[in-house]
Amino acid sequence: MVVCSKNVLVHLGSGYLLGVVWMQSGFIGHDSGHYNIMYTPKLNRFMQVLTGTCVTGISIRWWKWTHTAHHIAVNSLDYNPDLQHIPFLAVSPTIFKSLTSYFYGKKMTFDSVARFLISYQHL
């Protein structure tokens, strides 16, 4: 639609549809990563690679590695990689004092770049 039209509304509609496709693909990738949507593990694995790696560009191997750790240490700032989004997103005021990530094996410092980016996380 973007190639065939110069209309701003067509471009906005295309962006909206692309966002919906990516979002739904992420949900399908997540659920197939838990082996919950297809009848066989082989079909689930195919859906993981198709929706995760091909459509959204997220390596399914990386996702499984971090998501398994997420399920082991739910809501632990030090061990759950799904909560360690410095310098883009702060999920707890504790992060403002810096964070030691035992999952990644490094200290995640709350520096001036993180302070600037997180101040705009609500946009």
PDB file of N, CA and C in Angstrom:
ATOM      1  N   MET A   1       0.831  -1.194   0.000  1.00  0.00           N
ATOM      2  CA  MET A   1       0.000   0.000   0.000  1.00  0.00           C
ATOM      3  C   MET A   1       0.874   1.257   0.000  1.00  0.00           C
ATOM      4  N   VAL A   2       2.011   1.195   0.652  1.00  0.00           N
ATOM      5  CA  VAL A   2       2.881   2.367   0.728  1.00  0.00           C
ATOM      6  C   VAL A   2       3.478   2.681  -0.635  1.00  0.00           C
ATOM      7  N   VAL A   3       3.836   1.665  -1.390  1.00  0.00           N
ATOM      8  CA  VAL A   3       4.452   1.868  -2.696  1.00  0.00           C
ATOM      9  C   VAL A   3       3.454   2.440  -3.701  1.00  0.00           C
ATOM     10  N   CYS A   4       2.201   2.032  -3.602  1.00  0.00           N
ATOM     11  CA  CYS A   4       1.190   2.422  -4.581  1.00  0.00           C
ATOM     12  C   CYS A   4       0.486   3.735  -4.255  1.00  0.00           C
ATOM     13  N   SER A   5       0.743   4.325  -3.118  1.00  0.00           N
ATOM     14  CA  SER A   5       0.015   5.526  -2.736  1.00  0.00           C
ATOM     15  C   SER A   5       0.933   6.528  -2.051  1.00  0.00           C
ATOM     16  N   LYS A   6       0.579   7.795  -2.212  1.00  0.00           N
ATOM     17  CA  LYS A   6       1.299   8.856  -1.511  1.00  0.00           C
ATOM     18  C   LYS A   6       0.431   9.484  -0.417  1.00  0.00           C
ATOM     19  N   ASN A   7      -0.722   8.912  -0.198  1.00  0.00           N
ATOM     20  CA  ASN A   7      -1.661   9.414   0.792  1.00  0.00           C
ATOM     21  C   ASN A   7      -1.147   9.115   2.207  1.00  0.00           C
ATOM     22  N   VAL A   8      -1.156  10.115   3.047  1.00  0.00           N
ATOM     23  CA  VAL A   8      -0.667   9.974   4.416  1.00  0.00           C
ATOM     24  C   VAL A   8      -1.499   8.947   5.194  1.00  0.00           C
ATOM     25  N   LEU A   9      -2.800   8.950   5.001  1.00  0.00           N
ATOM     26  CA  LEU A   9      -3.652   7.994   5.714  1.00  0.00           C
ATOM     27  C   LEU A   9      -3.353   6.555   5.308  1.00  0.00           C
ATOM     28  N   VAL A  10      -3.030   6.342   4.042  1.00  0.00           N
ATOM     29  CA  VAL A  10      -2.660   5.001   3.584  1.00  0.00           C
ATOM     30  C   VAL A  10      -1.360   4.569   4.260  1.00  0.00           C
ATOM     31  N   HIS A  11      -0.413   5.492   4.368  1.00  0.00           N
ATOM     32  CA  HIS A  11       0.850   5.175   5.035  1.00  0.00           C
ATOM     33  C   HIS A  11       0.635   4.881   6.520  1.00  0.00           C
ATOM     34  N   LEU A  12      -0.196   5.667   7.188  1.00  0.00           N
ATOM     35  CA  LEU A  12      -0.503   5.427   8.600  1.00  0.00           C
ATOM     36  C   LEU A  12      -1.231   4.093   8.783  1.00  0.00           C
ATOM     37  N   GLY A  13      -2.170   3.795   7.906  1.00  0.00           N
ATOM     38  CA  GLY A  13      -2.882   2.521   7.961  1.00  0.00           C
ATOM     39  C   GLY A  13      -1.946   1.346   7.736  1.00  0.00           C
ATOM     40  N   SER A  14      -1.001   1.507   6.828  1.00  0.00           N
ATOM     41  CA  SER A  14      -0.017   0.446   6.574  1.00  0.00           C
ATOM     42  C   SER A  14       0.855   0.212   7.795  1.00  0.00           C
ATOM     43  N   GLY A  15       1.268   1.301   8.426  1.00  0.00           N
ATOM     44  CA  GLY A  15       2.071   1.179   9.646  1.00  0.00           C
ATOM     45  C   GLY A  15       1.292   0.492  10.754  1.00  0.00           C
ATOM     46  N   TYR A  16       0.023   0.821  10.871  1.00  0.00           N
ATOM     47  CA  TYR A  16      -0.837   0.196  11.872  1.00  0.00           C
ATOM     48  C   TYR A  16      -0.953  -1.308  11.609  1.00  0.00           C
ATOM     49  N   LEU A  17      -1.224  -1.676  10.351  1.00  0.00           N
ATOM     50  CA  LEU A  17      -1.346  -3.097  10.009  1.00  0.00           C
ATOM     51  C   LEU A  17      -0.041  -3.848  10.248  1.00  0.00           C
ATOM     52  N   LEU A  18       1.080  -3.230   9.920  1.00  0.00           N
ATOM     53  CA  LEU A  18       2.373  -3.853  10.165  1.00  0.00           C
ATOM     54  C   LEU A  18       2.595  -4.076  11.659  1.00  0.00           C
ATOM     55  N   GLY A  19       2.227  -3.093  12.474  1.00  0.00           N
ATOM     56  CA  GLY A  19       2.343  -3.243  13.926  1.00  0.00           C
ATOM     57  C   GLY A  19       1.481  -4.378  14.457  1.00  0.00           C
ATOM     58  N   VAL A  20       0.254  -4.499  13.946  1.00  0.00           N
ATOM     59  CA  VAL A  20      -0.644  -5.573  14.375  1.00  0.00           C
ATOM     60  C   VAL A  20      -0.068  -6.932  13.974  1.00  0.00           C
ATOM     61  N   VAL A  21       0.459  -7.038  12.754  1.00  0.00           N
ATOM     62  CA  VAL A  21       1.048  -8.299  12.297  1.00  0.00           C
ATOM     63  C   VAL A  21       2.236  -8.674  13.173  1.00  0.00           C
ATOM     64  N   TRP A  22       3.115  -7.711  13.472  1.00  0.00           N
ATOM     65  CA  TRP A  22       4.270  -7.996  14.323  1.00  0.00           C
ATOM     66  C   TRP A  22       3.842  -8.397  15.735  1.00  0.00           C
ATOM     67  N   MET A  23       2.846  -7.709  16.264  1.00  0.00           N
ATOM     68  CA  MET A  23       2.373  -8.015  17.602  1.00  0.00           C
ATOM     69  C   MET A  23       1.779  -9.430  17.649  1.00  0.00           C
ATOM     70  N   GLN A  24       0.916  -9.746  16.719  1.00  0.00           N
ATOM     71  CA  GLN A  24       0.302 -11.073  16.679  1.00  0.00           C
ATOM     72  C   GLN A  24       1.351 -12.158  16.428  1.00  0.00           C
ATOM     73  N   SER A  25       2.318 -11.851  15.584  1.00  0.00           N
ATOM     74  CA  SER A  25       3.399 -12.795  15.323  1.00  0.00           C
ATOM     75  C   SER A  25       4.206 -13.050  16.591  1.00  0.00           C
ATOM     76  N   GLY A  26       4.424 -12.004  17.375  1.00  0.00           N
ATOM     77  CA  GLY A  26       5.128 -12.169  18.646  1.00  0.00           C
ATOM     78  C   GLY A  26       4.352 -13.060  19.601  1.00  0.00           C
ATOM     79  N   PHE A  27       3.027 -12.878  19.666  1.00  0.00           N
ATOM     80  CA  PHE A  27       2.198 -13.730  20.529  1.00  0.00           C
ATOM     81  C   PHE A  27       2.235 -15.182  20.069  1.00  0.00           C
ATOM     82  N   ILE A  28       2.151 -15.388  18.761  1.00  0.00           N
ATOM     83  CA  ILE A  28       2.207 -16.761  18.228  1.00  0.00           C
ATOM     84  C   ILE A  28       3.578 -17.374  18.514  1.00  0.00           C
ATOM     85  N   GLY A  29       4.642 -16.572  18.315  1.00  0.00           N
ATOM     86  CA  GLY A  29       5.991 -17.055  18.611  1.00  0.00           C
ATOM     87  C   GLY A  29       6.146 -17.420  20.078  1.00  0.00           C
ATOM     88  N   HIS A  30       5.600 -16.586  20.969  1.00  0.00           N
ATOM     89  CA  HIS A  30       5.676 -16.851  22.411  1.00  0.00           C
ATOM     90  C   HIS A  30       4.941 -18.140  22.760  1.00  0.00           C
ATOM     91  N   ASP A  31       3.711 -18.259  22.296  1.00  0.00           N
ATOM     92  CA  ASP A  31       2.924 -19.442  22.640  1.00  0.00           C
ATOM     93  C   ASP A  31       3.487 -20.714  22.010  1.00  0.00           C
ATOM     94  N   SER A  32       4.000 -20.624  20.790  1.00  0.00           N
ATOM     95  CA  SER A  32       4.622 -21.808  20.188  1.00  0.00           C
ATOM     96  C   SER A  32       5.945 -22.116  20.880  1.00  0.00           C
ATOM     97  N   GLY A  33       6.604 -21.093  21.440  1.00  0.00           N
ATOM     98  CA  GLY A  33       7.818 -21.322  22.224  1.00  0.00           C
ATOM     99  C   GLY A  33       7.544 -22.128  23.479  1.00  0.00           C
ATOM    100  N   HIS A  34       6.322 -22.030  23.971  1.00  0.00           N
ATOM    101  CA  HIS A  34       5.886 -22.846  25.106  1.00  0.00           C
ATOM    102  C   HIS A  34       5.241 -24.153  24.626  1.00  0.00           C
ATOM    103  N   TYR A  35       5.273 -24.393  23.327  1.00  0.00           N
ATOM    104  CA  TYR A  35       4.693 -25.593  22.701  1.00  0.00           C
ATOM    105  C   TYR A  35       3.213 -25.715  23.015  1.00  0.00           C
ATOM    106  N   ASN A  36       2.476 -24.597  22.853  1.00  0.00           N
ATOM    107  CA  ASN A  36       1.064 -24.580  23.230  1.00  0.00           C
ATOM    108  C   ASN A  36       0.085 -24.404  22.081  1.00  0.00           C
ATOM    109  N   ILE A  37       0.532 -24.198  20.843  1.00  0.00           N
ATOM    110  CA  ILE A  37      -0.468 -23.889  19.829  1.00  0.00           C
ATOM    111  C   ILE A  37      -0.655 -24.959  18.761  1.00  0.00           C
ATOM    112  N   MET A  38       0.329 -25.795  18.535  1.00  0.00           N
ATOM    113  CA  MET A  38       0.217 -26.831  17.504  1.00  0.00           C
ATOM    114  C   MET A  38       0.114 -28.210  18.159  1.00  0.00           C
ATOM    115  N   TYR A  39      -0.230 -29.198  17.368  1.00  0.00           N
ATOM    116  CA  TYR A  39      -0.437 -30.541  17.892  1.00  0.00           C
ATOM    117  C   TYR A  39       0.851 -31.308  18.125  1.00  0.00           C
ATOM    118  N   THR A  40       1.913 -30.951  17.409  1.00  0.00           N
ATOM    119  CA  THR A  40       3.173 -31.681  17.558  1.00  0.00           C
ATOM    120  C   THR A  40       4.306 -30.709  17.870  1.00  0.00           C
ATOM    121  N   PRO A  41       5.334 -31.170  18.568  1.00  0.00           N
ATOM    122  CA  PRO A  41       6.495 -30.313  18.831  1.00  0.00           C
ATOM    123  C   PRO A  41       7.163 -29.827  17.545  1.00  0.00           C
ATOM    124  N   LYS A  42       7.152 -30.648  16.516  1.00  0.00           N
ATOM    125  CA  LYS A  42       7.775 -30.265  15.241  1.00  0.00           C
ATOM    126  C   LYS A  42       7.037 -29.073  14.605  1.00  0.00           C
ATOM    127  N   LEU A  43       5.711 -29.090  14.633  1.00  0.00           N
ATOM    128  CA  LEU A  43       4.945 -27.963  14.101  1.00  0.00           C
ATOM    129  C   LEU A  43       5.128 -26.716  14.965  1.00  0.00           C
ATOM    130  N   ASN A  44       5.189 -26.885  16.280  1.00  0.00           N
ATOM    131  CA  ASN A  44       5.458 -25.752  17.162  1.00  0.00           C
ATOM    132  C   ASN A  44       6.824 -25.153  16.854  1.00  0.00           C
ATOM    133  N   ARG A  45       7.816 -26.000  16.645  1.00  0.00           N
ATOM    134  CA  ARG A  45       9.161 -25.521  16.323  1.00  0.00           C
ATOM    135  C   ARG A  45       9.150 -24.746  15.003  1.00  0.00           C
ATOM    136  N   PHE A  46       8.416 -25.235  14.021  1.00  0.00           N
ATOM    137  CA  PHE A  46       8.296 -24.531  12.739  1.00  0.00           C
ATOM    138  C   PHE A  46       7.681 -23.151  12.954  1.00  0.00           C
ATOM    139  N   MET A  47       6.632 -23.076  13.762  1.00  0.00           N
ATOM    140  CA  MET A  47       5.985 -21.785  14.036  1.00  0.00           C
ATOM    141  C   MET A  47       6.913 -20.846  14.804  1.00  0.00           C
ATOM    142  N   GLN A  48       7.730 -21.396  15.696  1.00  0.00           N
ATOM    143  CA  GLN A  48       8.699 -20.576  16.423  1.00  0.00           C
ATOM    144  C   GLN A  48       9.658 -19.898  15.458  1.00  0.00           C
ATOM    145  N   VAL A  49      10.197 -20.680  14.549  1.00  0.00           N
ATOM    146  CA  VAL A  49      11.167 -20.132  13.599  1.00  0.00           C
ATOM    147  C   VAL A  49      10.487 -19.176  12.631  1.00  0.00           C
ATOM    148  N   LEU A  50       9.315 -19.535  12.135  1.00  0.00           N
ATOM    149  CA  LEU A  50       8.608 -18.682  11.180  1.00  0.00           C
ATOM    150  C   LEU A  50       8.205 -17.351  11.803  1.00  0.00           C
ATOM    151  N   THR A  51       7.496 -17.404  12.928  1.00  0.00           N
ATOM    152  CA  THR A  51       6.990 -16.160  13.514  1.00  0.00           C
ATOM    153  C   THR A  51       8.048 -15.408  14.293  1.00  0.00           C
ATOM    154  N   GLY A  52       8.880 -16.129  15.027  1.00  0.00           N
ATOM    155  CA  GLY A  52       9.895 -15.460  15.833  1.00  0.00           C
ATOM    156  C   GLY A  52      11.063 -14.970  15.010  1.00  0.00           C
ATOM    157  N   THR A  53      11.769 -15.897  14.394  1.00  0.00           N
ATOM    158  CA  THR A  53      12.997 -15.536  13.694  1.00  0.00           C
ATOM    159  C   THR A  53      12.722 -14.835  12.368  1.00  0.00           C
ATOM    160  N   CYS A  54      11.818 -15.360  11.561  1.00  0.00           N
ATOM    161  CA  CYS A  54      11.601 -14.804  10.215  1.00  0.00           C
ATOM    162  C   CYS A  54      10.774 -13.520  10.206  1.00  0.00           C
ATOM    163  N   VAL A  55       9.642 -13.496  10.904  1.00  0.00           N
ATOM    164  CA  VAL A  55       8.737 -12.348  10.833  1.00  0.00           C
ATOM    165  C   VAL A  55       9.166 -11.214  11.762  1.00  0.00           C
ATOM    166  N   THR A  56       9.460 -11.528  13.022  1.00  0.00           N
ATOM    167  CA  THR A  56       9.788 -10.453  13.959  1.00  0.00           C
ATOM    168  C   THR A  56      11.281 -10.161  14.032  1.00  0.00           C
ATOM    169  N   GLY A  57      12.113 -11.075  13.568  1.00  0.00           N
ATOM    170  CA  GLY A  57      13.558 -10.849  13.594  1.00  0.00           C
ATOM    171  C   GLY A  57      14.190 -11.133  14.942  1.00  0.00           C
ATOM    172  N   ILE A  58      13.479 -11.836  15.823  1.00  0.00           N
ATOM    173  CA  ILE A  58      14.015 -12.192  17.133  1.00  0.00           C
ATOM    174  C   ILE A  58      14.454 -13.649  17.082  1.00  0.00           C
ATOM    175  N   SER A  59      15.707 -13.898  17.379  1.00  0.00           N
ATOM    176  CA  SER A  59      16.219 -15.264  17.381  1.00  0.00           C
ATOM    177  C   SER A  59      15.458 -16.092  18.392  1.00  0.00           C
ATOM    178  N   ILE A  60      14.870 -17.191  17.957  1.00  0.00           N
ATOM    179  CA  ILE A  60      14.100 -18.034  18.861  1.00  0.00           C
ATOM    180  C   ILE A  60      15.016 -18.698  19.883  1.00  0.00           C
ATOM    181  N   ARG A  61      16.253 -18.965  19.492  1.00  0.00           N
ATOM    182  CA  ARG A  61      17.211 -19.558  20.433  1.00  0.00           C
ATOM    183  C   ARG A  61      17.514 -18.577  21.572  1.00  0.00           C
ATOM    184  N   TRP A  62      17.749 -17.301  21.221  1.00  0.00           N
ATOM    185  CA  TRP A  62      17.995 -16.276  22.235  1.00  0.00           C
ATOM    186  C   TRP A  62      16.759 -16.104  23.113  1.00  0.00           C
ATOM    187  N   TRP A  63      15.579 -16.072  22.491  1.00  0.00           N
ATOM    188  CA  TRP A  63      14.343 -15.887  23.246  1.00  0.00           C
ATOM    189  C   TRP A  63      14.159 -17.014  24.256  1.00  0.00           C
ATOM    190  N   LYS A  64      14.379 -18.261  23.836  1.00  0.00           N
ATOM    191  CA  LYS A  64      14.216 -19.387  24.753  1.00  0.00           C
ATOM    192  C   LYS A  64      15.208 -19.317  25.904  1.00  0.00           C
ATOM    193  N   TRP A  65      16.438 -18.893  25.605  1.00  0.00           N
ATOM    194  CA  TRP A  65      17.470 -18.782  26.634  1.00  0.00           C
ATOM    195  C   TRP A  65      17.047 -17.774  27.700  1.00  0.00           C
ATOM    196  N   THR A  66      16.616 -16.581  27.282  1.00  0.00           N
ATOM    197  CA  THR A  66      16.239 -15.549  28.247  1.00  0.00           C
ATOM    198  C   THR A  66      14.875 -15.822  28.865  1.00  0.00           C
ATOM    199  N   HIS A  67      13.959 -16.380  28.102  1.00  0.00           N
ATOM    200  CA  HIS A  67      12.610 -16.601  28.623  1.00  0.00           C
ATOM    201  C   HIS A  67      12.594 -17.726  29.659  1.00  0.00           C
ATOM    202  N   THR A  68      13.439 -18.722  29.484  1.00  0.00           N
ATOM    203  CA  THR A  68      13.553 -19.773  30.493  1.00  0.00           C
ATOM    204  C   THR A  68      14.069 -19.182  31.799  1.00  0.00           C
ATOM    205  N   ALA A  69      15.076 -18.311  31.707  1.00  0.00           N
ATOM    206  CA  ALA A  69      15.593 -17.640  32.903  1.00  0.00           C
ATOM    207  C   ALA A  69      14.501 -16.775  33.529  1.00  0.00           C
ATOM    208  N   HIS A  70      13.681 -16.147  32.705  1.00  0.00           N
ATOM    209  CA  HIS A  70      12.565 -15.337  33.212  1.00  0.00           C
ATOM    210  C   HIS A  70      11.609 -16.196  34.052  1.00  0.00           C
ATOM    211  N   HIS A  71      11.303 -17.391  33.576  1.00  0.00           N
ATOM    212  CA  HIS A  71      10.386 -18.255  34.318  1.00  0.00           C
ATOM    213  C   HIS A  71      11.014 -18.803  35.594  1.00  0.00           C
ATOM    214  N   ILE A  72      12.317 -18.934  35.613  1.00  0.00           N
ATOM    215  CA  ILE A  72      13.001 -19.419  36.811  1.00  0.00           C
ATOM    216  C   ILE A  72      13.029 -18.345  37.887  1.00  0.00           C
ATOM    217  N   ALA A  73      13.212 -17.078  37.466  1.00  0.00           N
ATOM    218  CA  ALA A  73      13.377 -15.987  38.440  1.00  0.00           C
ATOM    219  C   ALA A  73      12.401 -14.848  38.167  1.00  0.00           C
ATOM    220  N   VAL A  74      11.130 -15.144  38.160  1.00  0.00           N
ATOM    221  CA  VAL A  74      10.106 -14.139  37.867  1.00  0.00           C
ATOM    222  C   VAL A  74      10.198 -12.983  38.863  1.00  0.00           C
ATOM    223  N   ASN A  75      10.200 -11.769  38.331  1.00  0.00           N
ATOM    224  CA  ASN A  75      10.209 -10.518  39.104  1.00  0.00           C
ATOM    225  C   ASN A  75      11.461 -10.282  39.948  1.00  0.00           C
ATOM    226  N   SER A  76      12.530 -11.009  39.690  1.00  0.00           N
ATOM    227  CA  SER A  76      13.792 -10.752  40.381  1.00  0.00           C
ATOM    228  C   SER A  76      14.624  -9.807  39.515  1.00  0.00           C
ATOM    229  N   LEU A  77      14.870  -8.612  40.008  1.00  0.00           N
ATOM    230  CA  LEU A  77      15.640  -7.646  39.214  1.00  0.00           C
ATOM    231  C   LEU A  77      17.054  -8.132  38.920  1.00  0.00           C
ATOM    232  N   ASP A  78      17.642  -8.891  39.813  1.00  0.00           N
ATOM    233  CA  ASP A  78      19.021  -9.339  39.632  1.00  0.00           C
ATOM    234  C   ASP A  78      19.157 -10.546  38.711  1.00  0.00           C
ATOM    235  N   TYR A  79      18.130 -11.380  38.603  1.00  0.00           N
ATOM    236  CA  TYR A  79      18.247 -12.631  37.858  1.00  0.00           C
ATOM    237  C   TYR A  79      17.347 -12.724  36.624  1.00  0.00           C
ATOM    238  N   ASN A  80      16.307 -11.932  36.537  1.00  0.00           N
ATOM    239  CA  ASN A  80      15.354 -12.033  35.438  1.00  0.00           C
ATOM    240  C   ASN A  80      15.759 -11.094  34.302  1.00  0.00           C
ATOM    241  N   PRO A  81      16.226 -11.634  33.154  1.00  0.00           N
ATOM    242  CA  PRO A  81      16.659 -10.772  32.056  1.00  0.00           C
ATOM    243  C   PRO A  81      15.521  -9.975  31.415  1.00  0.00           C
ATOM    244  N   ASP A  82      14.281 -10.405  31.589  1.00  0.00           N
ATOM    245  CA  ASP A  82      13.150  -9.662  31.023  1.00  0.00           C
ATOM    246  C   ASP A  82      12.887  -8.348  31.750  1.00  0.00           C
ATOM    247  N   LEU A  83      13.505  -8.146  32.902  1.00  0.00           N
ATOM    248  CA  LEU A  83      13.349  -6.899  33.649  1.00  0.00           C
ATOM    249  C   LEU A  83      14.568  -5.987  33.537  1.00  0.00           C
ATOM    250  N   GLN A  84      15.597  -6.428  32.848  1.00  0.00           N
ATOM    251  CA  GLN A  84      16.857  -5.691  32.780  1.00  0.00           C
ATOM    252  C   GLN A  84      16.978  -4.979  31.431  1.00  0.00           C
ATOM    253  N   HIS A  85      16.278  -3.854  31.319  1.00  0.00           N
ATOM    254  CA  HIS A  85      16.222  -3.120  30.050  1.00  0.00           C
ATOM    255  C   HIS A  85      16.965  -1.794  30.077  1.00  0.00           C
ATOM    256  N   ILE A  86      17.860  -1.612  31.020  1.00  0.00           N
ATOM    257  CA  ILE A  86      18.661  -0.384  31.076  1.00  0.00           C
ATOM    258  C   ILE A  86      19.480  -0.321  29.787  1.00  0.00           C
ATOM    259  N   PRO A  87      19.583   0.760  29.079  1.00  0.00           N
ATOM    260  CA  PRO A  87      19.182   2.112  29.417  1.00  0.00           C
ATOM    261  C   PRO A  87      17.865   2.557  28.793  1.00  0.00           C
ATOM    262  N   PHE A  88      16.982   1.653  28.422  1.00  0.00           N
ATOM    263  CA  PHE A  88      15.772   2.044  27.704  1.00  0.00           C
ATOM    264  C   PHE A  88      14.515   2.093  28.557  1.00  0.00           C
ATOM    265  N   LEU A  89      14.445   1.267  29.572  1.00  0.00           N
ATOM    266  CA  LEU A  89      13.222   1.154  30.346  1.00  0.00           C
ATOM    267  C   LEU A  89      13.561   0.811  31.790  1.00  0.00           C
ATOM    268  N   ALA A  90      12.958   1.524  32.708  1.00  0.00           N
ATOM    269  CA  ALA A  90      13.135   1.225  34.131  1.00  0.00           C
ATOM    270  C   ALA A  90      11.837   0.639  34.653  1.00  0.00           C
ATOM    271  N   VAL A  91      11.908  -0.549  35.236  1.00  0.00           N
ATOM    272  CA  VAL A  91      10.716  -1.210  35.747  1.00  0.00           C
ATOM    273  C   VAL A  91      10.613  -1.095  37.263  1.00  0.00           C
ATOM    274  N   SER A  92      11.623  -0.514  37.889  1.00  0.00           N
ATOM    275  CA  SER A  92      11.627  -0.351  39.336  1.00  0.00           C
ATOM    276  C   SER A  92      12.563   0.792  39.717  1.00  0.00           C
ATOM    277  N   PRO A  93      12.240   1.557  40.756  1.00  0.00           N
ATOM    278  CA  PRO A  93      13.147   2.620  41.189  1.00  0.00           C
ATOM    279  C   PRO A  93      14.489   2.085  41.697  1.00  0.00           C
ATOM    280  N   THR A  94      14.550   0.806  42.031  1.00  0.00           N
ATOM    281  CA  THR A  94      15.813   0.191  42.462  1.00  0.00           C
ATOM    282  C   THR A  94      16.874   0.294  41.380  1.00  0.00           C
ATOM    283  N   ILE A  95      16.463   0.279  40.120  1.00  0.00           N
ATOM    284  CA  ILE A  95      17.396   0.335  38.996  1.00  0.00           C
ATOM    285  C   ILE A  95      18.159   1.654  38.982  1.00  0.00           C
ATOM    286  N   PHE A  96      17.597   2.711  39.541  1.00  0.00           N
ATOM    287  CA  PHE A  96      18.255   4.020  39.538  1.00  0.00           C
ATOM    288  C   PHE A  96      19.557   4.003  40.340  1.00  0.00           C
ATOM    289  N   LYS A  97      19.741   3.011  41.191  1.00  0.00           N
ATOM    290  CA  LYS A  97      20.985   2.880  41.956  1.00  0.00           C
ATOM    291  C   LYS A  97      21.978   1.979  41.236  1.00  0.00           C
ATOM    292  N   SER A  98      21.669   1.536  40.016  1.00  0.00           N
ATOM    293  CA  SER A  98      22.411   0.569  39.209  1.00  0.00           C
ATOM    294  C   SER A  98      22.006  -0.839  39.614  1.00  0.00           C
ATOM    295  N   LEU A  99      22.357  -1.796  38.795  1.00  0.00           N
ATOM    296  CA  LEU A  99      21.861  -3.144  38.952  1.00  0.00           C
ATOM    297  C   LEU A  99      22.958  -4.135  38.591  1.00  0.00           C
ATOM    298  N   THR A 100      23.112  -5.171  39.372  1.00  0.00           N
ATOM    299  CA  THR A 100      24.033  -6.247  39.027  1.00  0.00           C
ATOM    300  C   THR A 100      23.219  -7.367  38.404  1.00  0.00           C
ATOM    301  N   SER A 101      23.484  -7.631  37.122  1.00  0.00           N
ATOM    302  CA  SER A 101      22.771  -8.686  36.426  1.00  0.00           C
ATOM    303  C   SER A 101      23.547  -9.989  36.552  1.00  0.00           C
ATOM    304  N   TYR A 102      23.005 -10.900  37.319  1.00  0.00           N
ATOM    305  CA  TYR A 102      23.659 -12.197  37.454  1.00  0.00           C
ATOM    306  C   TYR A 102      23.427 -13.046  36.212  1.00  0.00           C
ATOM    307  N   PHE A 103      22.378 -12.749  35.460  1.00  0.00           N
ATOM    308  CA  PHE A 103      22.114 -13.483  34.221  1.00  0.00           C
ATOM    309  C   PHE A 103      23.171 -13.153  33.175  1.00  0.00           C
ATOM    310  N   TYR A 104      23.443 -11.866  32.977  1.00  0.00           N
ATOM    311  CA  TYR A 104      24.438 -11.445  31.983  1.00  0.00           C
ATOM    312  C   TYR A 104      25.847 -11.368  32.565  1.00  0.00           C
ATOM    313  N   GLY A 105      25.979 -11.468  33.873  1.00  0.00           N
ATOM    314  CA  GLY A 105      27.280 -11.437  34.507  1.00  0.00           C
ATOM    315  C   GLY A 105      27.969 -10.092  34.426  1.00  0.00           C
ATOM    316  N   LYS A 106      27.203  -9.014  34.594  1.00  0.00           N
ATOM    317  CA  LYS A 106      27.814  -7.681  34.557  1.00  0.00           C
ATOM    318  C   LYS A 106      26.985  -6.693  35.362  1.00  0.00           C
ATOM    319  N   LYS A 107      27.617  -5.577  35.670  1.00  0.00           N
ATOM    320  CA  LYS A 107      26.923  -4.509  36.390  1.00  0.00           C
ATOM    321  C   LYS A 107      26.318  -3.566  35.355  1.00  0.00           C
ATOM    322  N   MET A 108      25.046  -3.277  35.521  1.00  0.00           N
ATOM    323  CA  MET A 108      24.345  -2.371  34.618  1.00  0.00           C
ATOM    324  C   MET A 108      24.223  -1.029  35.336  1.00  0.00           C
ATOM    325  N   THR A 109      25.065  -0.094  34.946  1.00  0.00           N
ATOM    326  CA  THR A 109      25.110   1.186  35.658  1.00  0.00           C
ATOM    327  C   THR A 109      24.057   2.140  35.123  1.00  0.00           C
ATOM    328  N   PHE A 110      23.509   2.890  36.026  1.00  0.00           N
ATOM    329  CA  PHE A 110      22.527   3.907  35.672  1.00  0.00           C
ATOM    330  C   PHE A 110      23.284   5.210  35.459  1.00  0.00           C
ATOM    331  N   ASP A 111      23.757   5.405  34.234  1.00  0.00           N
ATOM    332  CA  ASP A 111      24.592   6.563  33.910  1.00  0.00           C
ATOM    333  C   ASP A 111      23.759   7.673  33.263  1.00  0.00           C
ATOM    334  N   SER A 112      24.419   8.711  32.765  1.00  0.00           N
ATOM    335  CA  SER A 112      23.711   9.861  32.189  1.00  0.00           C
ATOM    336  C   SER A 112      22.919   9.485  30.935  1.00  0.00           C
ATOM    337  N   VAL A 113      23.440   8.553  30.125  1.00  0.00           N
ATOM    338  CA  VAL A 113      22.706   8.101  28.923  1.00  0.00           C
ATOM    339  C   VAL A 113      21.419   7.400  29.349  1.00  0.00           C
ATOM    340  N   ALA A 114      21.514   6.508  30.321  1.00  0.00           N
ATOM    341  CA  ALA A 114      20.321   5.806  30.826  1.00  0.00           C
ATOM    342  C   ALA A 114      19.330   6.799  31.427  1.00  0.00           C
ATOM    343  N   ARG A 115      19.836   7.767  32.173  1.00  0.00           N
ATOM    344  CA  ARG A 115      18.961   8.777  32.787  1.00  0.00           C
ATOM    345  C   ARG A 115      18.182   9.533  31.708  1.00  0.00           C
ATOM    346  N   PHE A 116      18.860   9.905  30.606  1.00  0.00           N
ATOM    347  CA  PHE A 116      18.207  10.626  29.511  1.00  0.00           C
ATOM    348  C   PHE A 116      17.165   9.752  28.820  1.00  0.00           C
ATOM    349  N   LEU A 117      17.548   8.529  28.444  1.00  0.00           N
ATOM    350  CA  LEU A 117      16.619   7.657  27.701  1.00  0.00           C
ATOM    351  C   LEU A 117      15.416   7.257  28.548  1.00  0.00           C
ATOM    352  N   ILE A 118      15.629   6.945  29.811  1.00  0.00           N
ATOM    353  CA  ILE A 118      14.520   6.524  30.661  1.00  0.00           C
ATOM    354  C   ILE A 118      13.566   7.678  30.956  1.00  0.00           C
ATOM    355  N   SER A 119      14.063   8.902  30.918  1.00  0.00           N
ATOM    356  CA  SER A 119      13.167  10.036  31.150  1.00  0.00           C
ATOM    357  C   SER A 119      12.122  10.173  30.045  1.00  0.00           C
ATOM    358  N   TYR A 120      12.339   9.506  28.905  1.00  0.00           N
ATOM    359  CA  TYR A 120      11.381   9.515  27.795  1.00  0.00           C
ATOM    360  C   TYR A 120      10.688   8.187  27.590  1.00  0.00           C
ATOM    361  N   GLN A 121      10.796   7.243  28.526  1.00  0.00           N
ATOM    362  CA  GLN A 121      10.219   5.909  28.330  1.00  0.00           C
ATOM    363  C   GLN A 121       8.699   5.922  28.246  1.00  0.00           C
ATOM    364  N   HIS A 122       8.066   6.945  28.755  1.00  0.00           N
ATOM    365  CA  HIS A 122       6.602   6.995  28.760  1.00  0.00           C
ATOM    366  C   HIS A 122       6.019   7.468  27.431  1.00  0.00           C
ATOM    367  N   LEU A 123       6.846   7.895  26.501  1.00  0.00           N
ATOM    368  CA  LEU A 123       6.325   8.416  25.231  1.00  0.00           C
ATOM    369  C   LEU A 123       5.847   7.359  24.315  1.00  0.00           C
TER     370      LEU A 123
END
